[in-house]
């Protein structure tokens, strides 16, 4: 049995801090994309987080719980909003640094390592409660896969943006 707590503590502060940091980043970074593309890049992270987390954190696999109970709560929803600014930053830096296809594997690897680091901190703050044999190391290939798929999407989106879509 996972020892949950129902007090206001590190996991809530972590989520709030990440939301504030993400909102500041989205607000303060120079604008690189039209608003609709910025929204798409931000929503990609929210959708990917929701999709993946609900694929592996619910029955029948049920590998982890988010925050303080196994029930879905408001803070859980806010947790998924944290992913949006990260996916925007992924697209922003990819565009800003003009990452060539030959360097794409390094870019993906760097983001997977960063993602593991952020998840490790979130785990220590009590955001994630692993169970049924799941561990942080299982997240690494998931981050590699999702970052790779997102990169394919970004290359396609760049072509669409050039055509004015």
C-alpha atoms as a PDB file:
ATOM      1  CA  UNK A   1       0.000   0.000   0.000  1.00  0.00           C
ATOM      2  CA  UNK A   2       1.294   3.435  -0.945  1.00  0.00           C
ATOM      3  CA  UNK A   3       1.488   5.862   1.980  1.00  0.00           C
ATOM      4  CA  UNK A   4      -0.502   8.863   0.751  1.00  0.00           C
ATOM      5  CA  UNK A   5      -0.744  12.056   2.680  1.00  0.00           C
ATOM      6  CA  UNK A   6      -3.514  14.589   2.425  1.00  0.00           C
ATOM      7  CA  UNK A   7      -1.680  17.644   3.686  1.00  0.00           C
ATOM      8  CA  UNK A   8      -0.549  20.627   1.670  1.00  0.00           C
ATOM      9  CA  UNK A   9       3.134  19.945   1.114  1.00  0.00           C
ATOM     10  CA  UNK A  10       5.911  19.440  -1.432  1.00  0.00           C
ATOM     11  CA  UNK A  11       3.846  17.910  -4.241  1.00  0.00           C
ATOM     12  CA  UNK A  12       1.412  20.846  -4.325  1.00  0.00           C
ATOM     13  CA  UNK A  13       4.269  23.348  -4.144  1.00  0.00           C
ATOM     14  CA  UNK A  14       6.102  21.532  -6.918  1.00  0.00           C
ATOM     15  CA  UNK A  15       3.076  21.657  -9.227  1.00  0.00           C
ATOM     16  CA  UNK A  16       2.370  25.318  -8.436  1.00  0.00           C
ATOM     17  CA  UNK A  17       6.029  26.232  -8.871  1.00  0.00           C
ATOM     18  CA  UNK A  18       6.223  24.465 -12.228  1.00  0.00           C
ATOM     19  CA  UNK A  19       3.013  26.157 -13.398  1.00  0.00           C
ATOM     20  CA  UNK A  20       4.375  29.580 -12.425  1.00  0.00           C
ATOM     21  CA  UNK A  21       7.729  28.834 -14.078  1.00  0.00           C
ATOM     22  CA  UNK A  22       5.958  27.582 -17.211  1.00  0.00           C
ATOM     23  CA  UNK A  23       3.634  30.596 -17.399  1.00  0.00           C
ATOM     24  CA  UNK A  24       6.598  32.954 -16.938  1.00  0.00           C
ATOM     25  CA  UNK A  25       8.516  31.164 -19.672  1.00  0.00           C
ATOM     26  CA  UNK A  26       5.584  31.313 -22.095  1.00  0.00           C
ATOM     27  CA  UNK A  27       5.103  34.990 -21.333  1.00  0.00           C
ATOM     28  CA  UNK A  28       8.728  36.139 -21.307  1.00  0.00           C
ATOM     29  CA  UNK A  29      10.266  34.220 -24.195  1.00  0.00           C
ATOM     30  CA  UNK A  30      10.387  36.230 -27.422  1.00  0.00           C
ATOM     31  CA  UNK A  31       7.591  35.192 -29.749  1.00  0.00           C
ATOM     32  CA  UNK A  32       8.846  32.806 -32.475  1.00  0.00           C
ATOM     33  CA  UNK A  33       5.592  31.363 -33.756  1.00  0.00           C
ATOM     34  CA  UNK A  34       2.150  32.633 -34.706  1.00  0.00           C
ATOM     35  CA  UNK A  35      -0.284  32.308 -31.768  1.00  0.00           C
ATOM     36  CA  UNK A  36      -2.088  29.290 -33.209  1.00  0.00           C
ATOM     37  CA  UNK A  37       1.176  27.352 -33.575  1.00  0.00           C
ATOM     38  CA  UNK A  38       2.243  28.364 -30.074  1.00  0.00           C
ATOM     39  CA  UNK A  39      -1.060  26.956 -28.827  1.00  0.00           C
ATOM     40  CA  UNK A  40      -0.554  23.730 -30.783  1.00  0.00           C
ATOM     41  CA  UNK A  41       2.974  23.274 -29.407  1.00  0.00           C
ATOM     42  CA  UNK A  42       1.765  23.900 -25.856  1.00  0.00           C
ATOM     43  CA  UNK A  43      -1.299  21.686 -26.156  1.00  0.00           C
ATOM     44  CA  UNK A  44       0.804  18.858 -27.565  1.00  0.00           C
ATOM     45  CA  UNK A  45       2.549  18.470 -24.201  1.00  0.00           C
ATOM     46  CA  UNK A  46      -0.692  18.560 -22.245  1.00  0.00           C
ATOM     47  CA  UNK A  47      -2.307  15.991 -24.535  1.00  0.00           C
ATOM     48  CA  UNK A  48       0.776  13.738 -24.598  1.00  0.00           C
ATOM     49  CA  UNK A  49       1.010  13.839 -20.799  1.00  0.00           C
ATOM     50  CA  UNK A  50      -2.654  13.030 -20.339  1.00  0.00           C
ATOM     51  CA  UNK A  51      -2.612  10.294 -22.964  1.00  0.00           C
ATOM     52  CA  UNK A  52       0.502   8.547 -21.729  1.00  0.00           C
ATOM     53  CA  UNK A  53      -0.225   8.892 -18.048  1.00  0.00           C
ATOM     54  CA  UNK A  54      -3.735   7.553 -18.522  1.00  0.00           C
ATOM     55  CA  UNK A  55      -2.377   4.729 -20.660  1.00  0.00           C
ATOM     56  CA  UNK A  56      -0.017   3.412 -17.990  1.00  0.00           C
ATOM     57  CA  UNK A  57      -1.401   4.740 -14.711  1.00  0.00           C
ATOM     58  CA  UNK A  58      -4.890   3.244 -14.853  1.00  0.00           C
ATOM     59  CA  UNK A  59      -6.123  -0.332 -14.697  1.00  0.00           C
ATOM     60  CA  UNK A  60      -5.258  -2.864 -15.944  1.00  0.00           C
ATOM     61  CA  UNK A  61      -1.585  -1.779 -15.800  1.00  0.00           C
ATOM     62  CA  UNK A  62      -1.832   0.880 -13.046  1.00  0.00           C
ATOM     63  CA  UNK A  63       1.884   1.623 -12.707  1.00  0.00           C
ATOM     64  CA  UNK A  64       1.657   4.790 -10.649  1.00  0.00           C
ATOM     65  CA  UNK A  65      -0.581   7.315  -8.987  1.00  0.00           C
ATOM     66  CA  UNK A  66      -0.291  11.066  -9.345  1.00  0.00           C
ATOM     67  CA  UNK A  67      -0.273  13.256  -6.246  1.00  0.00           C
ATOM     68  CA  UNK A  68      -2.125  12.251  -3.094  1.00  0.00           C
ATOM     69  CA  UNK A  69      -4.657   9.569  -3.992  1.00  0.00           C
ATOM     70  CA  UNK A  70      -5.389   7.108  -6.733  1.00  0.00           C
ATOM     71  CA  UNK A  71      -8.482   9.169  -7.582  1.00  0.00           C
ATOM     72  CA  UNK A  72      -8.396  11.901 -10.230  1.00  0.00           C
ATOM     73  CA  UNK A  73      -8.443  15.328  -8.573  1.00  0.00           C
ATOM     74  CA  UNK A  74      -8.016  18.979  -9.541  1.00  0.00           C
ATOM     75  CA  UNK A  75      -4.313  18.921  -8.683  1.00  0.00           C
ATOM     76  CA  UNK A  76      -3.865  15.985 -11.056  1.00  0.00           C
ATOM     77  CA  UNK A  77      -5.314  18.086 -13.883  1.00  0.00           C
ATOM     78  CA  UNK A  78      -2.968  20.935 -12.963  1.00  0.00           C
ATOM     79  CA  UNK A  79      -0.088  18.462 -13.015  1.00  0.00           C
ATOM     80  CA  UNK A  80      -0.815  17.715 -16.673  1.00  0.00           C
ATOM     81  CA  UNK A  81      -0.843  21.430 -17.478  1.00  0.00           C
ATOM     82  CA  UNK A  82       2.840  21.490 -16.436  1.00  0.00           C
ATOM     83  CA  UNK A  83       3.724  19.523 -19.575  1.00  0.00           C
ATOM     84  CA  UNK A  84       2.514  22.280 -21.923  1.00  0.00           C
ATOM     85  CA  UNK A  85       5.304  24.806 -21.393  1.00  0.00           C
ATOM     86  CA  UNK A  86       7.906  22.039 -21.682  1.00  0.00           C
ATOM     87  CA  UNK A  87       6.595  20.994 -25.088  1.00  0.00           C
ATOM     88  CA  UNK A  88       6.538  24.641 -26.170  1.00  0.00           C
ATOM     89  CA  UNK A  89      10.148  25.051 -24.999  1.00  0.00           C
ATOM     90  CA  UNK A  90      11.089  21.887 -26.903  1.00  0.00           C
ATOM     91  CA  UNK A  91       9.680  23.434 -30.112  1.00  0.00           C
ATOM     92  CA  UNK A  92      11.052  26.887 -29.303  1.00  0.00           C
ATOM     93  CA  UNK A  93      14.637  25.736 -28.779  1.00  0.00           C
ATOM     94  CA  UNK A  94      14.469  23.377 -31.746  1.00  0.00           C
ATOM     95  CA  UNK A  95      13.499  26.323 -33.941  1.00  0.00           C
ATOM     96  CA  UNK A  96      15.832  28.817 -32.233  1.00  0.00           C
ATOM     97  CA  UNK A  97      18.865  26.537 -32.526  1.00  0.00           C
ATOM     98  CA  UNK A  98      17.810  25.343 -35.979  1.00  0.00           C
ATOM     99  CA  UNK A  99      18.510  21.726 -35.020  1.00  0.00           C
ATOM    100  CA  UNK A 100      19.530  19.814 -38.124  1.00  0.00           C
ATOM    101  CA  UNK A 101      18.273  16.307 -38.732  1.00  0.00           C
ATOM    102  CA  UNK A 102      21.745  14.888 -38.097  1.00  0.00           C
ATOM    103  CA  UNK A 103      21.680  16.347 -34.557  1.00  0.00           C
ATOM    104  CA  UNK A 104      18.083  15.333 -33.841  1.00  0.00           C
ATOM    105  CA  UNK A 105      19.074  12.172 -31.902  1.00  0.00           C
ATOM    106  CA  UNK A 106      21.224  14.264 -29.556  1.00  0.00           C
ATOM    107  CA  UNK A 107      18.414  16.762 -29.115  1.00  0.00           C
ATOM    108  CA  UNK A 108      15.984  13.962 -28.250  1.00  0.00           C
ATOM    109  CA  UNK A 109      18.493  12.348 -25.892  1.00  0.00           C
ATOM    110  CA  UNK A 110      19.080  15.674 -24.135  1.00  0.00           C
ATOM    111  CA  UNK A 111      15.365  16.191 -23.609  1.00  0.00           C
ATOM    112  CA  UNK A 112      14.879  12.629 -22.382  1.00  0.00           C
ATOM    113  CA  UNK A 113      17.635  13.174 -19.807  1.00  0.00           C
ATOM    114  CA  UNK A 114      16.118  16.516 -18.765  1.00  0.00           C
ATOM    115  CA  UNK A 115      12.693  14.879 -18.498  1.00  0.00           C
ATOM    116  CA  UNK A 116      14.052  12.108 -16.280  1.00  0.00           C
ATOM    117  CA  UNK A 117      15.652  14.765 -14.084  1.00  0.00           C
ATOM    118  CA  UNK A 118      12.400  16.684 -13.729  1.00  0.00           C
ATOM    119  CA  UNK A 119      10.461  13.480 -13.056  1.00  0.00           C
ATOM    120  CA  UNK A 120      13.034  12.503 -10.406  1.00  0.00           C
ATOM    121  CA  UNK A 121      12.504  15.835  -8.618  1.00  0.00           C
ATOM    122  CA  UNK A 122       8.721  15.461  -8.977  1.00  0.00           C
ATOM    123  CA  UNK A 123       8.948  11.940  -7.547  1.00  0.00           C
ATOM    124  CA  UNK A 124      10.941  13.205  -4.566  1.00  0.00           C
ATOM    125  CA  UNK A 125       8.312  15.903  -4.038  1.00  0.00           C
ATOM    126  CA  UNK A 126       5.591  13.245  -3.909  1.00  0.00           C
ATOM    127  CA  UNK A 127       3.972  13.954  -7.269  1.00  0.00           C
ATOM    128  CA  UNK A 128       4.391  10.353  -8.449  1.00  0.00           C
ATOM    129  CA  UNK A 129       3.862   7.143  -6.494  1.00  0.00           C
ATOM    130  CA  UNK A 130       5.222   4.178  -8.479  1.00  0.00           C
ATOM    131  CA  UNK A 131       3.715   0.744  -8.014  1.00  0.00           C
ATOM    132  CA  UNK A 132       3.409  -2.712  -9.597  1.00  0.00           C
ATOM    133  CA  UNK A 133       7.138  -2.823 -10.335  1.00  0.00           C
ATOM    134  CA  UNK A 134       7.341   0.474 -12.216  1.00  0.00           C
ATOM    135  CA  UNK A 135      10.385   2.662 -11.641  1.00  0.00           C
ATOM    136  CA  UNK A 136      11.803   5.910 -12.933  1.00  0.00           C
ATOM    137  CA  UNK A 137      14.084   4.024 -15.341  1.00  0.00           C
ATOM    138  CA  UNK A 138      11.014   2.819 -17.277  1.00  0.00           C
ATOM    139  CA  UNK A 139      10.165   6.426 -18.111  1.00  0.00           C
ATOM    140  CA  UNK A 140      13.373   6.975 -20.082  1.00  0.00           C
ATOM    141  CA  UNK A 141      12.363   4.978 -23.197  1.00  0.00           C
ATOM    142  CA  UNK A 142       8.933   6.603 -23.041  1.00  0.00           C
ATOM    143  CA  UNK A 143      10.557  10.049 -23.098  1.00  0.00           C
ATOM    144  CA  UNK A 144      12.794   8.978 -25.986  1.00  0.00           C
ATOM    145  CA  UNK A 145       9.778   7.760 -27.948  1.00  0.00           C
ATOM    146  CA  UNK A 146       7.588  10.775 -27.222  1.00  0.00           C
ATOM    147  CA  UNK A 147      10.373  13.270 -27.957  1.00  0.00           C
ATOM    148  CA  UNK A 148      11.123  11.483 -31.231  1.00  0.00           C
ATOM    149  CA  UNK A 149       7.466  11.524 -32.274  1.00  0.00           C
ATOM    150  CA  UNK A 150       7.211  15.179 -31.309  1.00  0.00           C
ATOM    151  CA  UNK A 151      10.284  15.963 -33.374  1.00  0.00           C
ATOM    152  CA  UNK A 152       8.696  14.291 -36.414  1.00  0.00           C
ATOM    153  CA  UNK A 153       5.615  16.419 -35.780  1.00  0.00           C
ATOM    154  CA  UNK A 154       7.770  19.571 -35.554  1.00  0.00           C
ATOM    155  CA  UNK A 155       9.446  18.851 -38.879  1.00  0.00           C
ATOM    156  CA  UNK A 156       6.017  18.353 -40.465  1.00  0.00           C
ATOM    157  CA  UNK A 157       4.691  21.495 -38.757  1.00  0.00           C
ATOM    158  CA  UNK A 158       7.648  23.520 -40.010  1.00  0.00           C
ATOM    159  CA  UNK A 159       6.737  22.544 -43.572  1.00  0.00           C
ATOM    160  CA  UNK A 160       3.106  23.481 -42.910  1.00  0.00           C
ATOM    161  CA  UNK A 161       4.129  26.834 -41.433  1.00  0.00           C
ATOM    162  CA  UNK A 162       6.246  27.587 -44.500  1.00  0.00           C
ATOM    163  CA  UNK A 163       3.200  26.916 -46.683  1.00  0.00           C
ATOM    164  CA  UNK A 164       1.150  29.310 -44.538  1.00  0.00           C
ATOM    165  CA  UNK A 165      -1.100  26.686 -42.954  1.00  0.00           C
END
